Protein backbone atom coordinates (compact mmCIF):
# COMPACT_ATOMS: atom_id res chain seq x y z
CA UNK A 1 -1.08 -5.47 6.89
CA UNK A 2 2.26 -4.05 5.79
CA UNK A 3 4.58 -5.56 3.23
CA UNK A 4 8.21 -4.61 2.76
CA UNK A 5 9.01 -3.21 -0.69
CA UNK A 6 11.07 -5.42 -2.99
CA UNK A 7 14.76 -5.19 -2.18
CA UNK A 8 15.73 -5.06 -5.87
CA UNK A 9 14.67 -2.54 -8.49
CA UNK A 10 14.83 -4.97 -11.41
CA UNK A 11 14.17 -8.59 -12.26
CA UNK A 12 15.35 -10.58 -15.29
CA UNK A 13 12.84 -12.60 -17.32
CA UNK A 14 14.95 -15.24 -19.07
CA UNK A 15 13.14 -16.78 -22.02
CA UNK A 16 13.35 -18.15 -25.56
CA UNK A 17 12.33 -16.18 -28.64
CA UNK A 18 9.22 -18.36 -29.06
CA UNK A 19 8.05 -17.24 -25.60
CA UNK A 20 8.68 -13.52 -26.11
CA UNK A 21 5.01 -12.49 -26.28
CA UNK A 22 4.31 -14.17 -22.94
CA UNK A 23 7.39 -12.48 -21.45
CA UNK A 24 6.17 -9.06 -22.60
CA UNK A 25 2.72 -9.62 -21.10
CA UNK A 26 4.17 -10.89 -17.83
CA UNK A 27 6.63 -7.98 -17.60
CA UNK A 28 3.81 -5.44 -18.00
CA UNK A 29 1.76 -7.22 -15.34
CA UNK A 30 4.61 -7.30 -12.79
CA UNK A 31 5.68 -3.71 -13.38
CA UNK A 32 2.10 -2.55 -12.78
CA UNK A 33 1.89 -4.46 -9.51
CA UNK A 34 5.39 -4.15 -8.02
CA UNK A 35 8.11 -1.55 -7.69
CA UNK A 36 10.34 -3.35 -10.19
CA UNK A 37 11.62 -2.99 -13.72
CA UNK A 38 11.50 -6.18 -15.79
CA UNK A 39 14.46 -6.75 -18.07
CA UNK A 40 13.82 -9.16 -20.91
CA UNK A 41 16.61 -11.72 -21.14
CA UNK A 42 16.23 -13.24 -24.59
CA UNK A 43 18.21 -16.39 -25.37
CA UNK A 44 20.59 -16.13 -28.30
CA UNK A 45 21.19 -19.08 -30.66
CA UNK A 46 23.25 -21.73 -28.91
CA UNK A 47 22.61 -20.20 -25.46
CA UNK A 48 20.60 -21.82 -22.64
CA UNK A 49 18.91 -20.48 -19.50
CA UNK A 50 21.90 -21.39 -17.33
CA UNK A 51 24.12 -19.17 -19.49
CA UNK A 52 21.77 -16.24 -18.82
CA UNK A 53 21.56 -17.05 -15.11
CA UNK A 54 25.36 -16.91 -14.83
CA UNK A 55 25.23 -13.26 -15.88
CA UNK A 56 22.39 -12.35 -13.51
CA UNK A 57 22.80 -10.34 -10.31
CA UNK A 58 19.10 -9.49 -9.90
CA UNK A 59 16.21 -11.78 -9.05
CA UNK A 60 15.68 -14.17 -11.93
CA UNK A 61 12.49 -15.56 -13.45
CA UNK A 62 12.97 -18.50 -15.79
CA UNK A 63 10.27 -19.12 -18.39
CA UNK A 64 10.55 -22.88 -18.85
CA UNK A 65 9.45 -24.32 -22.17
CA UNK A 66 10.48 -26.78 -24.86
CA UNK A 67 12.23 -23.86 -26.57
CA UNK A 68 14.12 -22.51 -23.54
CA UNK A 69 14.96 -25.91 -21.98
CA UNK A 70 14.82 -28.40 -24.88
CA UNK A 71 16.98 -31.13 -23.35
CA UNK A 72 18.16 -32.37 -19.98
CA UNK A 73 21.29 -30.73 -18.62
CA UNK A 74 23.68 -32.50 -16.24
CA UNK A 75 23.12 -31.49 -12.62
CA UNK A 76 26.66 -30.21 -12.31
CA UNK A 77 25.80 -27.65 -14.98
CA UNK A 78 22.88 -26.00 -13.19
CA UNK A 79 22.91 -27.05 -9.51
CA UNK A 80 25.62 -24.67 -8.19
CA UNK A 81 23.85 -21.70 -9.72
CA UNK A 82 20.11 -22.16 -9.85
CA UNK A 83 19.71 -23.42 -6.30
CA UNK A 84 21.47 -20.35 -4.85
CA UNK A 85 20.04 -17.50 -6.91
CA UNK A 86 16.86 -15.58 -5.94
CA UNK A 87 14.87 -17.56 -8.47
CA UNK A 88 11.31 -18.21 -9.62
CA UNK A 89 10.17 -20.40 -12.50
CA UNK A 90 7.11 -20.34 -14.74
CA UNK A 91 6.35 -23.51 -16.68
CA UNK A 92 4.91 -22.61 -20.08
CA UNK A 93 4.74 -26.11 -21.56
CA UNK A 94 6.21 -29.56 -20.83
CA UNK A 95 10.01 -29.71 -20.99
CA UNK A 96 12.84 -31.68 -19.27
CA UNK A 97 13.68 -29.09 -16.60
CA UNK A 98 15.16 -30.30 -13.24
CA UNK A 99 12.31 -31.30 -10.94
CA UNK A 100 14.21 -29.80 -8.00
CA UNK A 101 13.19 -26.39 -9.31
CA UNK A 102 9.66 -27.13 -8.13
CA UNK A 103 10.94 -26.63 -4.59
CA UNK A 104 11.60 -22.99 -5.37
CA UNK A 105 8.95 -20.40 -6.24
CA UNK A 106 7.37 -22.41 -9.06
CA UNK A 107 4.28 -21.52 -11.08
CA UNK A 108 2.40 -23.06 -13.97
CA UNK A 109 1.38 -20.64 -16.72
CA UNK A 110 -1.85 -22.61 -17.15
CA UNK A 111 -2.88 -21.40 -13.70
CA UNK A 112 -4.61 -18.02 -13.97
CA UNK A 113 -2.96 -17.00 -10.69
CA UNK A 114 0.64 -17.56 -11.84
CA UNK A 115 1.26 -13.84 -12.27
CA UNK A 116 -0.19 -13.08 -8.85
CA UNK A 117 2.07 -15.68 -7.31
CA UNK A 118 5.09 -14.02 -8.90
CA UNK A 119 4.00 -10.67 -7.49
CA UNK A 120 3.85 -12.18 -4.02
CA UNK A 121 7.29 -13.70 -4.54
CA UNK A 122 8.65 -10.28 -5.48
CA UNK A 123 7.02 -8.81 -2.37
CA UNK A 124 8.72 -11.61 -0.39
CA UNK A 125 5.39 -13.26 0.39
CA UNK A 126 5.37 -16.26 -1.93
CA UNK A 127 4.54 -18.70 0.88
CA UNK A 128 0.88 -17.65 0.90
CA UNK A 129 -1.09 -18.73 -2.15
CA UNK A 130 -4.76 -18.26 -1.38
CA UNK A 131 -7.16 -16.88 -3.97
CA UNK A 132 -10.88 -17.28 -3.36
CA UNK A 133 -12.69 -17.86 -6.62
CA UNK A 134 -15.64 -15.69 -5.58
CA UNK A 135 -13.26 -12.72 -5.16
CA UNK A 136 -11.91 -12.96 -8.71
CA UNK A 137 -13.58 -9.71 -9.77
CA UNK A 138 -11.83 -7.83 -6.95
CA UNK A 139 -8.49 -9.45 -7.78
CA UNK A 140 -8.83 -8.49 -11.43
CA UNK A 141 -9.96 -4.93 -10.72
CA UNK A 142 -7.73 -4.07 -7.75
CA UNK A 143 -4.79 -6.46 -7.39
CA UNK A 144 -3.89 -7.03 -11.03
CA UNK A 145 -3.93 -3.29 -11.78
CA UNK A 146 -4.77 -0.01 -10.02
CA UNK A 147 -8.52 0.44 -9.74
CA UNK A 148 -11.58 1.26 -7.65
CA UNK A 149 -14.41 -1.05 -6.56
CA UNK A 150 -17.00 -1.46 -3.83
CA UNK A 151 -18.11 -4.64 -2.11
CA UNK A 152 -19.94 -5.90 0.92
CA UNK A 153 -18.10 -5.93 4.22
CA UNK A 154 -17.45 -9.67 4.37
CA UNK A 155 -15.89 -9.81 0.89
CA UNK A 156 -13.80 -6.71 1.57
CA UNK A 157 -12.43 -8.18 4.78
CA UNK A 158 -11.47 -11.47 3.09
CA UNK A 159 -9.94 -9.72 0.09
CA UNK A 160 -7.85 -7.39 2.25
CA UNK A 161 -6.48 -10.40 4.12
CA UNK A 162 -5.90 -12.63 1.09
CA UNK A 163 -4.48 -10.00 -1.26
CA UNK A 164 -2.17 -8.33 1.26
CA UNK A 165 0.80 -10.09 -0.31
CA UNK A 166 0.18 -8.33 -3.62
CA UNK A 167 0.50 -4.81 -2.24
CA UNK A 168 3.16 -2.78 -0.50
CA UNK A 169 0.62 -2.04 2.23
CA UNK A 170 -3.07 -2.52 2.98
CA UNK A 171 -4.64 0.40 4.84
CA UNK A 172 -8.06 -0.11 6.42
CA UNK A 173 -9.77 3.20 7.29
CA UNK A 174 -12.91 3.08 9.47
CA UNK A 175 -15.01 5.91 7.98
CA UNK A 176 -18.55 5.24 9.24
CA UNK A 177 -19.79 8.33 11.09
CA UNK A 178 -16.39 10.02 10.81
CA UNK A 179 -15.63 13.35 9.19
CA UNK A 180 -13.34 14.00 6.27
CA UNK A 181 -10.59 15.33 8.57
CA UNK A 182 -10.84 12.20 10.74
CA UNK A 183 -10.74 9.84 7.76
CA UNK A 184 -7.86 11.72 6.17
CA UNK A 185 -5.98 11.81 9.46
CA UNK A 186 -6.45 8.07 10.00
CA UNK A 187 -5.32 7.25 6.46
CA UNK A 188 -2.27 9.50 6.59
CA UNK A 189 -1.20 8.27 10.02
CA UNK A 190 -1.37 4.63 8.87
CA UNK A 191 0.81 5.60 5.90
CA UNK A 192 3.39 7.04 8.29
CA UNK A 193 2.74 10.68 7.40
CA UNK A 194 2.55 13.56 9.88
CA UNK A 195 -0.91 15.12 9.78
CA UNK A 196 -0.03 18.54 11.20
CA UNK A 197 -1.54 20.77 8.48
CA UNK A 198 -5.14 21.81 7.72
CA UNK A 199 -7.24 18.97 6.30
CA UNK A 200 -6.95 20.11 2.68
CA UNK A 201 -3.15 20.17 2.84
CA UNK A 202 -3.03 16.83 4.68
CA UNK A 203 -5.26 15.26 2.06
CA UNK A 204 -3.08 16.48 -0.78
CA UNK A 205 -0.01 14.90 0.85
CA UNK A 206 -1.87 11.62 1.39
CA UNK A 207 -3.05 11.44 -2.22
CA UNK A 208 0.42 12.31 -3.53
CA UNK A 209 1.93 9.54 -1.43
CA UNK A 210 -0.61 6.97 -2.63
CA UNK A 211 -0.15 8.04 -6.24
CA UNK A 212 3.46 6.85 -6.13
CA UNK A 213 2.96 3.72 -3.99
CA UNK A 214 1.24 0.39 -4.63
CA UNK A 215 -1.21 0.25 -1.73
CA UNK A 216 -4.72 -1.06 -1.18
CA UNK A 217 -6.86 1.50 0.62
CA UNK A 218 -10.09 0.17 2.12
CA UNK A 219 -12.55 2.93 2.95
CA UNK A 220 -14.90 1.29 5.42
CA UNK A 221 -18.43 2.68 4.86
CA UNK A 222 -17.46 6.29 4.00
CA UNK A 223 -19.88 9.14 3.48
CA UNK A 224 -20.27 10.47 -0.03
CA UNK A 225 -18.06 13.42 0.83
CA UNK A 226 -15.24 11.23 2.17
CA UNK A 227 -15.47 8.82 -0.76
CA UNK A 228 -15.24 11.65 -3.30
CA UNK A 229 -12.46 13.51 -1.50
CA UNK A 230 -10.28 10.42 -1.05
CA UNK A 231 -10.55 9.33 -4.68
CA UNK A 232 -7.07 7.85 -4.96
CA UNK A 233 -5.47 7.63 -8.38
CA UNK A 234 -2.05 6.60 -9.66
CA UNK A 235 -0.66 3.20 -8.62
CA UNK A 236 -2.84 2.48 -5.57
CA UNK A 237 -6.25 0.79 -5.52
CA UNK A 238 -9.35 1.67 -3.48
CA UNK A 239 -12.01 -0.68 -2.10
CA UNK A 240 -15.15 0.81 -0.56
CA UNK A 241 -17.36 -1.23 1.76
CA UNK A 242 -21.11 -0.84 1.44
CA UNK A 243 -21.67 -1.36 5.17
CA UNK A 244 -19.33 -0.82 8.13
CA UNK A 245 -16.98 -3.48 9.41
CA UNK A 246 -15.50 -1.33 12.17
CA UNK A 247 -17.23 1.60 13.88
CA UNK A 248 -15.13 4.05 15.90
CA UNK A 249 -16.62 6.69 18.13
CA UNK A 250 -14.56 9.86 18.61
CA UNK A 251 -14.61 10.95 22.27
CA UNK A 252 -15.92 14.53 22.39
CA UNK A 253 -13.58 15.56 25.18
CA UNK A 254 -10.81 18.08 25.70
CA UNK A 255 -8.46 15.32 26.85
CA UNK A 256 -8.88 13.41 23.60
CA UNK A 257 -8.30 16.61 21.63
CA UNK A 258 -4.99 16.96 23.47
CA UNK A 259 -4.11 13.37 22.47
CA UNK A 260 -4.69 14.36 18.84
CA UNK A 261 -2.48 17.41 19.32
CA UNK A 262 0.29 15.29 20.82
CA UNK A 263 -0.01 12.94 17.82
CA UNK A 264 0.19 16.01 15.54
CA UNK A 265 -3.19 15.20 14.00
CA UNK A 266 -4.00 18.89 14.13
CA UNK A 267 -6.90 19.10 11.66
CA UNK A 268 -8.85 16.59 13.75
CA UNK A 269 -7.86 18.37 16.94
CA UNK A 270 -8.96 21.70 15.48
CA UNK A 271 -12.44 20.38 14.62
CA UNK A 272 -12.87 18.61 17.96
CA UNK A 273 -11.71 21.60 20.01
CA UNK A 274 -14.27 23.79 18.26
CA UNK A 275 -17.02 21.27 19.09
CA UNK A 276 -15.96 20.98 22.72
CA UNK A 277 -15.68 24.75 22.98
CA UNK A 278 -19.35 25.08 21.97
CA UNK A 279 -20.43 22.55 24.61
CA UNK A 280 -18.44 23.72 27.63
CA UNK A 281 -18.61 26.69 29.99
CA UNK A 282 -14.85 26.81 30.53
CA UNK A 283 -13.81 27.74 27.00
CA UNK A 284 -10.34 29.01 27.95
CA UNK A 285 -8.37 25.74 27.52
CA UNK A 286 -9.98 25.01 24.14
CA UNK A 287 -9.40 28.56 22.92
CA UNK A 288 -5.77 28.36 24.05
CA UNK A 289 -5.03 25.19 22.10
CA UNK A 290 -6.94 26.42 19.07
CA UNK A 291 -4.91 29.65 19.08
CA UNK A 292 -1.70 27.65 19.09
CA UNK A 293 -2.89 25.53 16.17
CA UNK A 294 -3.82 28.67 14.23
CA UNK A 295 -0.42 30.20 14.94
CA UNK A 296 1.24 27.06 13.64
CA UNK A 297 -0.88 27.27 10.48
CA UNK A 298 -0.09 30.95 9.90
CA UNK A 299 -3.50 32.31 10.87
CA UNK A 300 -2.61 35.14 13.27
CA UNK A 301 -5.96 36.97 13.03
CA UNK A 302 -7.92 33.85 14.02
CA UNK A 303 -5.44 33.11 16.80
CA UNK A 304 -5.90 36.63 18.19
CA UNK A 305 -9.70 36.30 18.19
CA UNK A 306 -9.43 33.01 20.08
CA UNK A 307 -7.19 34.54 22.75
CA UNK A 308 -10.02 36.86 23.69
CA UNK A 309 -11.82 33.77 25.08
CA UNK A 310 -8.82 32.73 27.19
CA UNK A 311 -8.49 34.33 30.62
CA UNK A 312 -4.99 32.83 31.06
CA UNK A 313 -3.36 32.99 27.61
CA UNK A 314 0.12 32.50 28.97
CA UNK A 315 -0.73 29.28 30.86
CA UNK A 316 1.00 26.25 29.35
CA UNK A 317 -1.10 23.16 28.76
CA UNK A 318 -0.03 19.54 28.72
CA UNK A 319 1.51 19.61 25.22
CA UNK A 320 4.82 21.42 24.66
CA UNK A 321 4.40 23.16 21.32
CA UNK A 322 8.03 24.22 21.37
CA UNK A 323 9.09 20.55 21.24
CA UNK A 324 6.72 19.96 18.32
CA UNK A 325 8.22 22.84 16.36
CA UNK A 326 11.72 21.52 16.95
CA UNK A 327 10.61 18.06 15.78
């Protein structure tokens, strides 16, 4: 569900003075939904859209209208330029523009989804134009601007699939029956972050990352604690399902705890090792790994208490903590 960020930091909206209000509204909409700056290219008297395009090095959006394209232009005037530029067009009202432009990213301003189509074009995903009418509330609340909503599982699944092209990334986090450290670890890992700190520190890094990025985070049936703690703000949007789509069971085993350690999901490993330690007779291996986690977190007193449960404190387990520190 990943999308590559736009390759360009700015886009030019070429338009006539009569269309300036629409250009302002469209620029605000695109800047809220994409990592781009919209420059307003206003036609001067005697200038046409091709003149502006000749000066453009960024992606170009032409606002086509009777004021910006009042008469037909010979093909030799526009063909060499407009068919090679990274170009999208929005038709505001009938005008004699070249019909070949419809083969590019072309949108009609009368269509309520024109702005969404432009966002997908900027995210390099303009080929997919699917908007379910019954999901309009979610599109308005989450895709058109940062926001928070909840929905049933079926609607959430369809929206996450349909709207993926309007976000940098869609992150689906199975939360049902999972703790805050597990949900945070899953979310951070999907975002490409290393979850090697205590849960509170991991969560702060996750929320800071989402504040700056344009992501859709789907919290799949979270507990009240998880929902409150992962209250994303900034540029990302959050969708909460009212019933679970995906249920994951965490193996309560020492081997799985070691997998979490190897993945540097240490807050989850810490919680699981404590659970396993309470349920097993041979507490030494759990105490050993917990002591190493505590040392890494700067908790020497807790690490020393844990070593008292380990009859072989110098024995090396399957994960090389020295390699992790070097990494």
